Amino acid sequence: MDIVYRFDPHAPLELKRPRSNKQALKMLEQGNLRFCKMVKHIQNIGEGERNHPPMVIPVNPIQLGIPLVKGLEVMQAPWALVLGCADARVPSST
């Protein structure tokens, strides 16, 4: 199984931030769908699927919070908070 995190030095280095609540929710949903796709990929391989391409996840230093210049602090720019409960019997409400 290959999961590849790939940095493209020619891709724009930008931190994508939502412009509205609706866009933030859409970005969170898209991230969740990507995560579900990765889990399904891993499960298929675990079940014996032989013909599977590597999963490539594009990343850049800014998205990972890695400073581009030596000596700078790690950047943090959160735009969402996900609240849940440790007790699985109690669902989070919207």
PDB file of N, CA and C in Angstrom:
ATOM      1  N   MET A   1       0.854  -1.164   0.000  1.00  0.00           N
ATOM      2  CA  MET A   1       0.000   0.000   0.000  1.00  0.00           C
ATOM      3  C   MET A   1       0.902   1.229   0.000  1.00  0.00           C
ATOM      4  N   ASP A   2       0.616   2.169  -0.888  1.00  0.00           N
ATOM      5  CA  ASP A   2       1.379   3.405  -0.957  1.00  0.00           C
ATOM      6  C   ASP A   2       0.463   4.586  -0.724  1.00  0.00           C
ATOM      7  N   ILE A   3       0.768   5.368   0.298  1.00  0.00           N
ATOM      8  CA  ILE A   3       0.124   6.664   0.513  1.00  0.00           C
ATOM      9  C   ILE A   3       1.245   7.681   0.433  1.00  0.00           C
ATOM     10  N   VAL A   4       1.190   8.545  -0.574  1.00  0.00           N
ATOM     11  CA  VAL A   4       2.270   9.470  -0.867  1.00  0.00           C
ATOM     12  C   VAL A   4       1.817  10.895  -0.572  1.00  0.00           C
ATOM     13  N   TYR A   5       2.574  11.596   0.248  1.00  0.00           N
ATOM     14  CA  TYR A   5       2.345  13.022   0.462  1.00  0.00           C
ATOM     15  C   TYR A   5       3.305  13.739  -0.476  1.00  0.00           C
ATOM     16  N   ARG A   6       2.764  14.500  -1.420  1.00  0.00           N
ATOM     17  CA  ARG A   6       3.587  15.089  -2.460  1.00  0.00           C
ATOM     18  C   ARG A   6       3.544  16.609  -2.412  1.00  0.00           C
ATOM     19  N   PHE A   7       4.734  17.209  -2.422  1.00  0.00           N
ATOM     20  CA  PHE A   7       4.872  18.658  -2.466  1.00  0.00           C
ATOM     21  C   PHE A   7       5.230  19.060  -3.888  1.00  0.00           C
ATOM     22  N   ASP A   8       4.454  19.959  -4.459  1.00  0.00           N
ATOM     23  CA  ASP A   8       4.722  20.474  -5.792  1.00  0.00           C
ATOM     24  C   ASP A   8       5.290  21.882  -5.641  1.00  0.00           C
ATOM     25  N   PRO A   9       6.585  22.070  -5.889  1.00  0.00           N
ATOM     26  CA  PRO A   9       7.178  23.396  -5.696  1.00  0.00           C
ATOM     27  C   PRO A   9       6.639  24.456  -6.661  1.00  0.00           C
ATOM     28  N   HIS A  10       5.930  24.033  -7.709  1.00  0.00           N
ATOM     29  CA  HIS A  10       5.389  24.982  -8.678  1.00  0.00           C
ATOM     30  C   HIS A  10       3.941  25.373  -8.380  1.00  0.00           C
ATOM     31  N   ALA A  11       3.331  24.685  -7.434  1.00  0.00           N
ATOM     32  CA  ALA A  11       1.956  25.023  -7.046  1.00  0.00           C
ATOM     33  C   ALA A  11       1.998  26.265  -6.161  1.00  0.00           C
ATOM     34  N   PRO A  12       0.970  27.095  -6.214  1.00  0.00           N
ATOM     35  CA  PRO A  12       0.969  28.295  -5.379  1.00  0.00           C
ATOM     36  C   PRO A  12       0.956  27.927  -3.889  1.00  0.00           C
ATOM     37  N   LEU A  13       1.777  28.635  -3.114  1.00  0.00           N
ATOM     38  CA  LEU A  13       1.828  28.426  -1.671  1.00  0.00           C
ATOM     39  C   LEU A  13       0.840  29.380  -1.023  1.00  0.00           C
ATOM     40  N   GLU A  14      -0.349  28.896  -0.779  1.00  0.00           N
ATOM     41  CA  GLU A  14      -1.379  29.738  -0.185  1.00  0.00           C
ATOM     42  C   GLU A  14      -2.124  28.969   0.882  1.00  0.00           C
ATOM     43  N   LEU A  15      -2.567  29.680   1.875  1.00  0.00           N
ATOM     44  CA  LEU A  15      -3.384  29.096   2.920  1.00  0.00           C
ATOM     45  C   LEU A  15      -4.828  29.364   2.560  1.00  0.00           C
ATOM     46  N   LYS A  16      -5.562  28.309   2.269  1.00  0.00           N
ATOM     47  CA  LYS A  16      -6.959  28.471   1.856  1.00  0.00           C
ATOM     48  C   LYS A  16      -7.824  28.677   3.089  1.00  0.00           C
ATOM     49  N   ARG A  17      -8.478  29.796   3.145  1.00  0.00           N
ATOM     50  CA  ARG A  17      -9.377  30.113   4.247  1.00  0.00           C
ATOM     51  C   ARG A  17     -10.763  30.367   3.679  1.00  0.00           C
ATOM     52  N   PRO A  18     -11.781  29.864   4.344  1.00  0.00           N
ATOM     53  CA  PRO A  18     -13.145  30.081   3.846  1.00  0.00           C
ATOM     54  C   PRO A  18     -13.546  31.546   3.970  1.00  0.00           C
ATOM     55  N   ARG A  19     -14.380  31.984   3.040  1.00  0.00           N
ATOM     56  CA  ARG A  19     -14.858  33.371   3.042  1.00  0.00           C
ATOM     57  C   ARG A  19     -16.198  33.512   3.766  1.00  0.00           C
ATOM     58  N   SER A  20     -16.854  32.372   4.018  1.00  0.00           N
ATOM     59  CA  SER A  20     -18.155  32.410   4.679  1.00  0.00           C
ATOM     60  C   SER A  20     -18.351  31.124   5.482  1.00  0.00           C
ATOM     61  N   ASN A  21     -19.399  31.120   6.288  1.00  0.00           N
ATOM     62  CA  ASN A  21     -19.727  29.922   7.056  1.00  0.00           C
ATOM     63  C   ASN A  21     -20.063  28.757   6.140  1.00  0.00           C
ATOM     64  N   LYS A  22     -20.809  29.041   5.071  1.00  0.00           N
ATOM     65  CA  LYS A  22     -21.191  27.983   4.135  1.00  0.00           C
ATOM     66  C   LYS A  22     -19.966  27.378   3.461  1.00  0.00           C
ATOM     67  N   GLN A  23     -19.027  28.229   3.078  1.00  0.00           N
ATOM     68  CA  GLN A  23     -17.815  27.731   2.440  1.00  0.00           C
ATOM     69  C   GLN A  23     -16.975  26.931   3.446  1.00  0.00           C
ATOM     70  N   ALA A  24     -16.935  27.363   4.709  1.00  0.00           N
ATOM     71  CA  ALA A  24     -16.205  26.622   5.736  1.00  0.00           C
ATOM     72  C   ALA A  24     -16.802  25.227   5.908  1.00  0.00           C
ATOM     73  N   LEU A  25     -18.110  25.144   5.962  1.00  0.00           N
ATOM     74  CA  LEU A  25     -18.777  23.854   6.107  1.00  0.00           C
ATOM     75  C   LEU A  25     -18.490  22.970   4.895  1.00  0.00           C
ATOM     76  N   LYS A  26     -18.516  23.557   3.712  1.00  0.00           N
ATOM     77  CA  LYS A  26     -18.225  22.801   2.492  1.00  0.00           C
ATOM     78  C   LYS A  26     -16.790  22.265   2.520  1.00  0.00           C
ATOM     79  N   MET A  27     -15.844  23.093   2.965  1.00  0.00           N
ATOM     80  CA  MET A  27     -14.447  22.652   3.042  1.00  0.00           C
ATOM     81  C   MET A  27     -14.283  21.513   4.052  1.00  0.00           C
ATOM     82  N   LEU A  28     -14.973  21.593   5.178  1.00  0.00           N
ATOM     83  CA  LEU A  28     -14.919  20.521   6.176  1.00  0.00           C
ATOM     84  C   LEU A  28     -15.519  19.233   5.614  1.00  0.00           C
ATOM     85  N   GLU A  29     -16.645  19.356   4.912  1.00  0.00           N
ATOM     86  CA  GLU A  29     -17.282  18.177   4.311  1.00  0.00           C
ATOM     87  C   GLU A  29     -16.379  17.546   3.249  1.00  0.00           C
ATOM     88  N   GLN A  30     -15.724  18.369   2.428  1.00  0.00           N
ATOM     89  CA  GLN A  30     -14.824  17.844   1.404  1.00  0.00           C
ATOM     90  C   GLN A  30     -13.637  17.125   2.045  1.00  0.00           C
ATOM     91  N   GLY A  31     -13.114  17.683   3.129  1.00  0.00           N
ATOM     92  CA  GLY A  31     -12.026  17.031   3.846  1.00  0.00           C
ATOM     93  C   GLY A  31     -12.463  15.699   4.426  1.00  0.00           C
ATOM     94  N   ASN A  32     -13.675  15.653   4.949  1.00  0.00           N
ATOM     95  CA  ASN A  32     -14.199  14.407   5.498  1.00  0.00           C
ATOM     96  C   ASN A  32     -14.362  13.358   4.391  1.00  0.00           C
ATOM     97  N   LEU A  33     -14.832  13.781   3.221  1.00  0.00           N
ATOM     98  CA  LEU A  33     -14.978  12.850   2.098  1.00  0.00           C
ATOM     99  C   LEU A  33     -13.620  12.306   1.646  1.00  0.00           C
ATOM    100  N   ARG A  34     -12.590  13.180   1.630  1.00  0.00           N
ATOM    101  CA  ARG A  34     -11.243  12.718   1.271  1.00  0.00           C
ATOM    102  C   ARG A  34     -10.742  11.700   2.289  1.00  0.00           C
ATOM    103  N   PHE A  35     -11.002  11.947   3.571  1.00  0.00           N
ATOM    104  CA  PHE A  35     -10.587  11.018   4.620  1.00  0.00           C
ATOM    105  C   PHE A  35     -11.312   9.680   4.456  1.00  0.00           C
ATOM    106  N   CYS A  36     -12.625   9.713   4.191  1.00  0.00           N
ATOM    107  CA  CYS A  36     -13.398   8.476   3.988  1.00  0.00           C
ATOM    108  C   CYS A  36     -12.860   7.699   2.795  1.00  0.00           C
ATOM    109  N   LYS A  37     -12.479   8.406   1.745  1.00  0.00           N
ATOM    110  CA  LYS A  37     -11.923   7.762   0.554  1.00  0.00           C
ATOM    111  C   LYS A  37     -10.601   7.069   0.899  1.00  0.00           C
ATOM    112  N   MET A  38      -9.771   7.724   1.728  1.00  0.00           N
ATOM    113  CA  MET A  38      -8.502   7.130   2.134  1.00  0.00           C
ATOM    114  C   MET A  38      -8.740   5.875   2.981  1.00  0.00           C
ATOM    115  N   VAL A  39      -9.690   5.935   3.914  1.00  0.00           N
ATOM    116  CA  VAL A  39     -10.000   4.777   4.753  1.00  0.00           C
ATOM    117  C   VAL A  39     -10.503   3.621   3.889  1.00  0.00           C
ATOM    118  N   LYS A  40     -11.385   3.903   2.946  1.00  0.00           N
ATOM    119  CA  LYS A  40     -11.915   2.862   2.048  1.00  0.00           C
ATOM    120  C   LYS A  40     -10.791   2.241   1.224  1.00  0.00           C
ATOM    121  N   HIS A  41      -9.878   3.060   0.753  1.00  0.00           N
ATOM    122  CA  HIS A  41      -8.713   2.595  -0.012  1.00  0.00           C
ATOM    123  C   HIS A  41      -7.904   1.605   0.836  1.00  0.00           C
ATOM    124  N   ILE A  42      -7.646   1.975   2.079  1.00  0.00           N
ATOM    125  CA  ILE A  42      -6.875   1.110   2.982  1.00  0.00           C
ATOM    126  C   ILE A  42      -7.641  -0.182   3.270  1.00  0.00           C
ATOM    127  N   GLN A  43      -8.950  -0.087   3.484  1.00  0.00           N
ATOM    128  CA  GLN A  43      -9.759  -1.276   3.751  1.00  0.00           C
ATOM    129  C   GLN A  43      -9.772  -2.218   2.552  1.00  0.00           C
ATOM    130  N   ASN A  44      -9.874  -1.676   1.344  1.00  0.00           N
ATOM    131  CA  ASN A  44      -9.866  -2.508   0.138  1.00  0.00           C
ATOM    132  C   ASN A  44      -8.554  -3.276   0.019  1.00  0.00           C
ATOM    133  N   ILE A  45      -7.462  -2.617   0.331  1.00  0.00           N
ATOM    134  CA  ILE A  45      -6.162  -3.284   0.275  1.00  0.00           C
ATOM    135  C   ILE A  45      -6.096  -4.376   1.351  1.00  0.00           C
ATOM    136  N   GLY A  46      -6.630  -4.065   2.536  1.00  0.00           N
ATOM    137  CA  GLY A  46      -6.658  -5.047   3.614  1.00  0.00           C
ATOM    138  C   GLY A  46      -7.497  -6.264   3.284  1.00  0.00           C
ATOM    139  N   GLU A  47      -8.482  -6.082   2.433  1.00  0.00           N
ATOM    140  CA  GLU A  47      -9.352  -7.192   2.024  1.00  0.00           C
ATOM    141  C   GLU A  47      -8.773  -7.973   0.846  1.00  0.00           C
ATOM    142  N   GLY A  48      -7.569  -7.604   0.420  1.00  0.00           N
ATOM    143  CA  GLY A  48      -6.893  -8.375  -0.617  1.00  0.00           C
ATOM    144  C   GLY A  48      -6.936  -7.795  -2.008  1.00  0.00           C
ATOM    145  N   GLU A  49      -7.445  -6.589  -2.174  1.00  0.00           N
ATOM    146  CA  GLU A  49      -7.450  -5.979  -3.511  1.00  0.00           C
ATOM    147  C   GLU A  49      -6.008  -5.833  -3.986  1.00  0.00           C
ATOM    148  N   ARG A  50      -5.749  -6.319  -5.179  1.00  0.00           N
ATOM    149  CA  ARG A  50      -4.367  -6.317  -5.670  1.00  0.00           C
ATOM    150  C   ARG A  50      -4.056  -5.142  -6.597  1.00  0.00           C
ATOM    151  N   ASN A  51      -5.007  -4.743  -7.405  1.00  0.00           N
ATOM    152  CA  ASN A  51      -4.770  -3.660  -8.358  1.00  0.00           C
ATOM    153  C   ASN A  51      -5.208  -2.334  -7.749  1.00  0.00           C
ATOM    154  N   HIS A  52      -4.298  -1.690  -7.083  1.00  0.00           N
ATOM    155  CA  HIS A  52      -4.634  -0.409  -6.474  1.00  0.00           C
ATOM    156  C   HIS A  52      -3.517   0.584  -6.749  1.00  0.00           C
ATOM    157  N   PRO A  53      -3.880   1.744  -7.250  1.00  0.00           N
ATOM    158  CA  PRO A  53      -2.864   2.773  -7.482  1.00  0.00           C
ATOM    159  C   PRO A  53      -2.456   3.394  -6.142  1.00  0.00           C
ATOM    160  N   PRO A  54      -1.284   4.021  -6.102  1.00  0.00           N
ATOM    161  CA  PRO A  54      -0.905   4.708  -4.876  1.00  0.00           C
ATOM    162  C   PRO A  54      -1.855   5.882  -4.620  1.00  0.00           C
ATOM    163  N   MET A  55      -2.096   6.187  -3.381  1.00  0.00           N
ATOM    164  CA  MET A  55      -2.929   7.334  -3.028  1.00  0.00           C
ATOM    165  C   MET A  55      -1.987   8.527  -2.848  1.00  0.00           C
ATOM    166  N   VAL A  56      -2.188   9.567  -3.640  1.00  0.00           N
ATOM    167  CA  VAL A  56      -1.326  10.751  -3.586  1.00  0.00           C
ATOM    168  C   VAL A  56      -2.091  11.887  -2.926  1.00  0.00           C
ATOM    169  N   ILE A  57      -1.504  12.442  -1.870  1.00  0.00           N
ATOM    170  CA  ILE A  57      -2.117  13.538  -1.132  1.00  0.00           C
ATOM    171  C   ILE A  57      -1.247  14.771  -1.324  1.00  0.00           C
ATOM    172  N   PRO A  58      -1.736  15.765  -2.074  1.00  0.00           N
ATOM    173  CA  PRO A  58      -0.923  16.966  -2.283  1.00  0.00           C
ATOM    174  C   PRO A  58      -0.856  17.810  -1.005  1.00  0.00           C
ATOM    175  N   VAL A  59       0.327  18.276  -0.679  1.00  0.00           N
ATOM    176  CA  VAL A  59       0.527  19.124   0.498  1.00  0.00           C
ATOM    177  C   VAL A  59       1.506  20.238   0.151  1.00  0.00           C
ATOM    178  N   ASN A  60       1.508  21.268   0.967  1.00  0.00           N
ATOM    179  CA  ASN A  60       2.550  22.286   0.858  1.00  0.00           C
ATOM    180  C   ASN A  60       2.932  22.727   2.269  1.00  0.00           C
ATOM    181  N   PRO A  61       4.104  23.314   2.427  1.00  0.00           N
ATOM    182  CA  PRO A  61       4.583  23.673   3.769  1.00  0.00           C
ATOM    183  C   PRO A  61       3.628  24.589   4.533  1.00  0.00           C
ATOM    184  N   ILE A  62       2.981  25.499   3.842  1.00  0.00           N
ATOM    185  CA  ILE A  62       2.085  26.438   4.524  1.00  0.00           C
ATOM    186  C   ILE A  62       0.883  25.696   5.101  1.00  0.00           C
ATOM    187  N   GLN A  63       0.310  24.754   4.351  1.00  0.00           N
ATOM    188  CA  GLN A  63      -0.816  23.976   4.866  1.00  0.00           C
ATOM    189  C   GLN A  63      -0.417  23.162   6.088  1.00  0.00           C
ATOM    190  N   LEU A  64       0.826  22.725   6.146  1.00  0.00           N
ATOM    191  CA  LEU A  64       1.310  21.931   7.270  1.00  0.00           C
ATOM    192  C   LEU A  64       1.795  22.798   8.428  1.00  0.00           C
ATOM    193  N   GLY A  65       1.842  24.118   8.234  1.00  0.00           N
ATOM    194  CA  GLY A  65       2.304  25.011   9.284  1.00  0.00           C
ATOM    195  C   GLY A  65       3.813  25.079   9.397  1.00  0.00           C
ATOM    196  N   ILE A  66       4.520  24.622   8.362  1.00  0.00           N
ATOM    197  CA  ILE A  66       5.982  24.635   8.389  1.00  0.00           C
ATOM    198  C   ILE A  66       6.476  26.003   7.930  1.00  0.00           C
ATOM    199  N   PRO A  67       7.321  26.669   8.725  1.00  0.00           N
ATOM    200  CA  PRO A  67       7.830  27.973   8.297  1.00  0.00           C
ATOM    201  C   PRO A  67       8.721  27.840   7.068  1.00  0.00           C
ATOM    202  N   LEU A  68       8.580  28.781   6.151  1.00  0.00           N
ATOM    203  CA  LEU A  68       9.364  28.751   4.918  1.00  0.00           C
ATOM    204  C   LEU A  68      10.773  29.297   5.120  1.00  0.00           C
ATOM    205  N   VAL A  69      10.978  30.069   6.193  1.00  0.00           N
ATOM    206  CA  VAL A  69      12.281  30.652   6.486  1.00  0.00           C
ATOM    207  C   VAL A  69      12.754  30.111   7.832  1.00  0.00           C
ATOM    208  N   LYS A  70      13.995  29.670   7.878  1.00  0.00           N
ATOM    209  CA  LYS A  70      14.570  29.112   9.102  1.00  0.00           C
ATOM    210  C   LYS A  70      14.500  30.128  10.240  1.00  0.00           C
ATOM    211  N   GLY A  71      14.070  29.669  11.407  1.00  0.00           N
ATOM    212  CA  GLY A  71      14.008  30.531  12.585  1.00  0.00           C
ATOM    213  C   GLY A  71      12.640  31.144  12.851  1.00  0.00           C
ATOM    214  N   LEU A  72      11.727  31.058  11.886  1.00  0.00           N
ATOM    215  CA  LEU A  72      10.386  31.601  12.101  1.00  0.00           C
ATOM    216  C   LEU A  72       9.556  30.629  12.930  1.00  0.00           C
ATOM    217  N   GLU A  73       8.569  31.152  13.609  1.00  0.00           N
ATOM    218  CA  GLU A  73       7.658  30.321  14.391  1.00  0.00           C
ATOM    219  C   GLU A  73       6.725  29.539  13.465  1.00  0.00           C
ATOM    220  N   VAL A  74       6.279  28.407  13.952  1.00  0.00           N
ATOM    221  CA  VAL A  74       5.297  27.622  13.209  1.00  0.00           C
ATOM    222  C   VAL A  74       4.001  28.423  13.138  1.00  0.00           C
ATOM    223  N   MET A  75       3.442  28.531  11.931  1.00  0.00           N
ATOM    224  CA  MET A  75       2.243  29.324  11.726  1.00  0.00           C
ATOM    225  C   MET A  75       1.001  28.520  12.080  1.00  0.00           C
ATOM    226  N   GLN A  76       0.084  29.165  12.751  1.00  0.00           N
ATOM    227  CA  GLN A  76      -1.212  28.564  13.027  1.00  0.00           C
ATOM    228  C   GLN A  76      -2.288  29.556  12.601  1.00  0.00           C
ATOM    229  N   ALA A  77      -3.288  29.055  11.892  1.00  0.00           N
ATOM    230  CA  ALA A  77      -4.384  29.908  11.444  1.00  0.00           C
ATOM    231  C   ALA A  77      -5.672  29.099  11.404  1.00  0.00           C
ATOM    232  N   PRO A  78      -6.158  28.656  12.569  1.00  0.00           N
ATOM    233  CA  PRO A  78      -7.380  27.847  12.559  1.00  0.00           C
ATOM    234  C   PRO A  78      -8.582  28.657  12.104  1.00  0.00           C
ATOM    235  N   TRP A  79      -9.515  27.987  11.442  1.00  0.00           N
ATOM    236  CA  TRP A  79     -10.738  28.658  10.992  1.00  0.00           C
ATOM    237  C   TRP A  79     -11.979  27.860  11.353  1.00  0.00           C
ATOM    238  N   ALA A  80     -11.808  26.751  12.063  1.00  0.00           N
ATOM    239  CA  ALA A  80     -12.973  25.950  12.461  1.00  0.00           C
ATOM    240  C   ALA A  80     -12.691  25.271  13.797  1.00  0.00           C
ATOM    241  N   LEU A  81     -13.746  24.977  14.484  1.00  0.00           N
ATOM    242  CA  LEU A  81     -13.680  24.232  15.733  1.00  0.00           C
ATOM    243  C   LEU A  81     -14.701  23.115  15.628  1.00  0.00           C
ATOM    244  N   VAL A  82     -14.251  21.894  15.868  1.00  0.00           N
ATOM    245  CA  VAL A  82     -15.151  20.756  15.831  1.00  0.00           C
ATOM    246  C   VAL A  82     -15.333  20.288  17.268  1.00  0.00           C
ATOM    247  N   LEU A  83     -16.563  20.322  17.729  1.00  0.00           N
ATOM    248  CA  LEU A  83     -16.880  19.964  19.098  1.00  0.00           C
ATOM    249  C   LEU A  83     -17.567  18.615  19.110  1.00  0.00           C
ATOM    250  N   GLY A  84     -17.106  17.745  19.975  1.00  0.00           N
ATOM    251  CA  GLY A  84     -17.709  16.425  20.079  1.00  0.00           C
ATOM    252  C   GLY A  84     -17.738  16.002  21.533  1.00  0.00           C
ATOM    253  N   CYS A  85     -18.166  14.792  21.765  1.00  0.00           N
ATOM    254  CA  CYS A  85     -18.274  14.260  23.112  1.00  0.00           C
ATOM    255  C   CYS A  85     -17.554  12.924  23.161  1.00  0.00           C
ATOM    256  N   ALA A  86     -16.789  12.680  24.229  1.00  0.00           N
ATOM    257  CA  ALA A  86     -16.074  11.434  24.394  1.00  0.00           C
ATOM    258  C   ALA A  86     -17.028  10.254  24.590  1.00  0.00           C
ATOM    259  N   ASP A  87     -18.236  10.525  25.023  1.00  0.00           N
ATOM    260  CA  ASP A  87     -19.222   9.479  25.242  1.00  0.00           C
ATOM    261  C   ASP A  87     -19.977   9.269  23.925  1.00  0.00           C
ATOM    262  N   ALA A  88     -19.769   8.125  23.294  1.00  0.00           N
ATOM    263  CA  ALA A  88     -20.359   7.848  21.978  1.00  0.00           C
ATOM    264  C   ALA A  88     -21.877   7.806  22.010  1.00  0.00           C
ATOM    265  N   ARG A  89     -22.464   7.689  23.197  1.00  0.00           N
ATOM    266  CA  ARG A  89     -23.932   7.640  23.289  1.00  0.00           C
ATOM    267  C   ARG A  89     -24.557   9.032  23.185  1.00  0.00           C
ATOM    268  N   VAL A  90     -23.704  10.063  23.253  1.00  0.00           N
ATOM    269  CA  VAL A  90     -24.210  11.435  23.228  1.00  0.00           C
ATOM    270  C   VAL A  90     -23.798  12.089  21.906  1.00  0.00           C
ATOM    271  N   PRO A  91     -24.705  12.223  20.958  1.00  0.00           N
ATOM    272  CA  PRO A  91     -24.337  12.836  19.668  1.00  0.00           C
ATOM    273  C   PRO A  91     -24.155  14.344  19.814  1.00  0.00           C
ATOM    274  N   SER A  92     -23.293  14.891  18.993  1.00  0.00           N
ATOM    275  CA  SER A  92     -23.177  16.355  18.975  1.00  0.00           C
ATOM    276  C   SER A  92     -24.362  16.908  18.219  1.00  0.00           C
ATOM    277  N   SER A  93     -24.829  18.065  18.616  1.00  0.00           N
ATOM    278  CA  SER A  93     -25.983  18.652  17.949  1.00  0.00           C
ATOM    279  C   SER A  93     -25.549  19.873  17.156  1.00  0.00           C
ATOM    280  N   THR A  94     -26.322  20.222  16.157  1.00  0.00           N
ATOM    281  CA  THR A  94     -25.983  21.374  15.336  1.00  0.00           C
ATOM    282  C   THR A  94     -26.902  22.539  15.659  1.00  0.00           C
TER     283      THR A  94
END
